[in-house]
Protein backbone atom coordinates (compact mmCIF):
# COMPACT_ATOMS: atom_id res chain seq x y z
CA MET A 1 0.00 -0.11 0.03
CA SER A 2 1.45 3.28 -1.00
CA ARG A 3 1.56 6.08 1.47
CA SER A 4 -0.80 9.17 0.24
CA ARG A 5 -0.01 12.57 1.24
CA LYS A 6 -2.09 15.19 2.94
CA THR A 7 -3.09 17.97 0.97
CA ARG A 8 -4.30 21.50 2.17
CA LYS A 9 -7.35 21.31 -0.18
CA VAL A 10 -10.88 21.82 1.39
CA ASP A 11 -13.18 19.05 0.52
CA GLN A 12 -16.71 19.01 0.56
CA ASN A 13 -16.93 17.24 3.81
CA ALA A 14 -14.27 19.61 5.60
CA PRO A 15 -15.68 22.00 8.32
CA LYS A 16 -16.15 25.49 6.99
CA LEU A 17 -14.96 28.64 8.67
CA ALA A 18 -17.69 31.09 9.25
CA PRO A 19 -18.04 34.03 6.68
CA ARG A 20 -16.04 37.17 8.07
CA GLN A 21 -18.20 40.01 9.41
CA LYS A 22 -17.11 43.56 9.09
CA LYS A 23 -16.07 45.46 12.34
CA GLN A 24 -19.08 47.60 12.07
CA GLU A 25 -21.34 44.46 12.34
CA ARG A 26 -19.30 42.81 15.06
CA GLN A 27 -20.24 43.86 18.78
CA LEU A 28 -17.19 44.53 20.67
CA ALA A 29 -16.82 42.77 23.94
CA ALA A 30 -17.91 44.99 26.81
CA LYS A 31 -16.20 45.05 30.23
CA LYS A 32 -18.04 42.67 32.53
CA GLN A 33 -19.93 44.55 35.32
CA LYS A 34 -18.95 44.06 38.97
CA THR A 35 -21.13 42.50 41.17
CA GLY A 36 -20.70 42.19 44.91
CA ASN A 37 -19.59 44.84 47.52
CA LYS A 38 -16.38 46.89 46.46
CA SER A 39 -12.92 45.63 47.95
CA GLY A 40 -12.33 46.11 51.48
CA SER A 41 -15.93 47.07 52.24
CA ARG A 42 -16.31 45.30 55.53
CA HIS A 43 -12.97 47.02 56.83
CA ASN A 44 -13.88 50.45 55.90
CA GLU A 45 -17.68 49.95 57.13
CA SER A 46 -17.75 53.48 58.72
CA LEU A 47 -16.72 55.04 55.49
CA ILE A 48 -19.18 53.59 53.29
CA GLN A 49 -21.99 54.26 55.63
CA GLN A 50 -21.21 57.81 55.54
CA GLN A 51 -21.39 57.68 51.78
CA LEU A 52 -24.85 56.20 51.77
CA GLY A 53 -26.23 58.29 54.66
CA GLN A 54 -26.62 55.69 56.98
CA THR A 55 -25.67 56.13 60.40
CA THR A 56 -27.10 53.24 62.35
CA ALA A 57 -26.14 49.71 61.17
CA ALA A 58 -25.52 46.30 62.61
CA LYS A 59 -21.84 45.47 62.79
CA ASP A 60 -20.80 42.89 60.12
CA PRO A 61 -21.06 39.37 61.48
CA ARG A 62 -17.86 38.30 59.51
CA HIS A 63 -15.45 40.01 61.90
CA GLY A 64 -13.78 37.46 64.12
CA SER A 65 -12.56 37.54 67.45
CA LYS A 66 -11.52 40.85 69.04
CA LYS A 67 -9.04 39.41 71.36
CA PRO A 68 -5.51 40.60 70.50
CA VAL A 69 -3.07 37.93 69.07
CA GLN A 70 0.40 37.95 70.50
CA LEU A 71 2.99 38.15 67.79
CA THR A 72 5.99 37.43 69.90
CA ILE A 73 7.10 34.12 71.68
CA ASN A 74 7.01 33.94 75.52
CA LYS A 75 10.54 33.39 77.02
CA GLU A 76 8.93 30.62 79.12
CA VAL A 77 7.69 28.74 76.16
CA ALA A 78 10.91 29.02 74.10
CA GLU A 79 13.02 27.34 76.69
CA VAL A 80 13.23 23.88 75.72
CA LYS A 81 12.76 21.56 78.98
CA LYS A 82 15.39 19.12 79.11
CA VAL A 83 14.66 15.57 80.31
CA LYS A 84 16.43 15.14 83.55
CA GLN A 85 17.89 11.55 83.87
CA PRO A 86 18.62 10.28 87.49
CA LYS A 87 21.95 11.14 88.51
CA LEU A 88 24.33 8.16 88.62
CA SER A 89 26.04 7.34 91.93
CA ASP A 90 29.75 7.25 92.27
CA GLU A 91 29.96 3.58 91.69
CA GLN A 92 27.87 3.64 88.68
CA LYS A 93 30.01 6.50 87.29
CA LEU A 94 33.18 4.62 88.06
CA LEU A 95 31.96 1.65 86.31
CA LYS A 96 30.57 3.46 83.12
CA LEU A 97 34.27 5.17 82.97
CA GLU A 98 36.11 2.07 83.28
CA GLU A 99 33.95 0.30 80.60
CA ASP A 100 34.55 2.83 78.03
CA PRO A 101 35.78 1.30 74.76
CA ARG A 102 37.85 4.13 73.66
CA LEU A 103 39.54 4.07 77.22
CA ASN A 104 40.36 0.48 76.84
CA ASN A 105 41.53 0.73 73.45
CA LEU A 106 43.83 3.61 74.43
CA LEU A 107 45.33 1.92 77.49
CA ASP A 108 45.92 -1.03 75.10
CA LEU A 109 47.82 0.98 72.74
CA LEU A 110 50.13 2.32 75.43
CA GLU A 111 50.62 -1.29 76.88
CA GLU A 112 51.74 -2.38 73.54
CA GLY A 113 54.36 0.65 73.67
CA ARG A 114 52.77 2.81 70.74
CA ASP A 115 52.67 6.71 71.26
CA LEU A 116 49.42 8.51 71.45
CA ASN A 117 48.61 11.45 69.59
CA ASN A 118 48.30 15.02 71.51
CA ASP A 119 44.26 14.79 71.71
CA ASP A 120 44.31 11.26 72.67
CA GLN A 121 46.90 11.57 75.26
CA LYS A 122 44.92 14.70 77.01
CA TRP A 123 41.53 12.79 76.96
CA LEU A 124 43.11 9.59 78.20
CA ASP A 125 44.74 11.88 81.19
CA ALA A 126 41.50 13.45 81.80
CA GLN A 127 39.60 9.93 82.17
CA LEU A 128 42.45 8.46 84.49
CA THR A 129 42.04 11.82 86.91
CA LYS A 130 38.42 11.12 86.87
CA ILE A 131 38.54 7.56 87.74
CA GLU A 132 41.23 8.40 90.39
CA GLN A 133 38.93 10.80 92.10
CA LEU A 134 36.21 8.66 92.14
CA MET A 135 38.35 5.93 93.81
CA ASP A 136 39.55 8.42 96.38
CA LYS A 137 35.67 9.24 97.00
CA LEU A 138 34.49 5.75 97.41
CA GLY A 139 37.68 4.78 99.35
CA ILE A 140 39.19 2.41 97.01
CA ASN A 141 42.74 1.57 96.80
CA ASP A 142 44.72 -0.06 94.28
CA ALA A 143 45.83 -2.77 96.82
CA GLN A 144 42.06 -3.67 97.57
CA VAL A 145 41.38 -3.89 93.71
CA GLU A 146 44.26 -6.25 93.67
CA GLU A 147 43.12 -8.37 96.67
CA ASP A 148 39.37 -8.38 95.18
CA MET A 149 40.79 -10.01 92.02
CA PRO A 150 40.85 -13.77 92.02
CA LYS A 151 44.28 -15.07 92.29
CA ARG A 152 45.47 -16.68 89.26
CA SER A 153 47.44 -19.75 89.49
CA ARG A 154 50.95 -19.30 87.73
CA SER A 155 51.84 -23.01 87.02
CA ASP A 156 50.09 -25.35 84.86
CA ASP A 157 50.47 -27.98 87.61
CA GLU A 158 48.25 -25.87 89.95
CA LEU A 159 45.72 -25.59 87.17
CA PHE A 160 45.55 -29.37 86.74
CA ASP A 161 45.15 -29.90 90.15
CA LYS A 162 42.27 -27.58 90.32
CA PHE A 163 40.71 -29.11 87.40
CA GLU A 164 41.18 -32.81 88.87
CA SER A 165 39.50 -31.87 92.28
CA GLY A 166 36.48 -30.53 90.14
CA ILE A 167 36.08 -34.33 88.71
CA ASP A 168 36.25 -35.53 92.06
CA LEU A 169 33.37 -33.20 93.41
CA LEU A 170 31.43 -34.10 90.16
CA LYS A 171 31.36 -37.85 90.80
CA ASP A 172 30.49 -37.10 94.64
CA TYR A 173 27.61 -35.26 93.16
CA GLN A 174 26.64 -38.23 91.03
């Protein structure tokens, strides 16, 4: 099938344009008449009444509340209330400081013999002084801490004897 081009010739079936009218015969579009009240009429009610000659008129029911609206923020409302957390006891503070992963990592680095940068060193010193102050408040000495820790067996023979005594206890229980 061959392609047929569109033509611009008007056929009999095509829509026809309306005949042109002369300018004199056409009606010019007139401005639309305004309907309703003048702009700002409800706000300038007294002026409008004076122009119309009415002195007594009911107030416009569209007016809202006469209560003044405060445009500034109260200082009391603006202050953000912080949620107070219960204060930690000295023991809890001490445990929290000792369990700090950054503190543990830095102490491990020092034990390995590595040097710390200035910021890490300052932070580490501050944390260690806090821990010392809390230990002094609680009356904990380094000697007491070492005594409280379980004594570790230093030889393999002692560890083996301890293991065998556990087996004897297990047999007694059965």
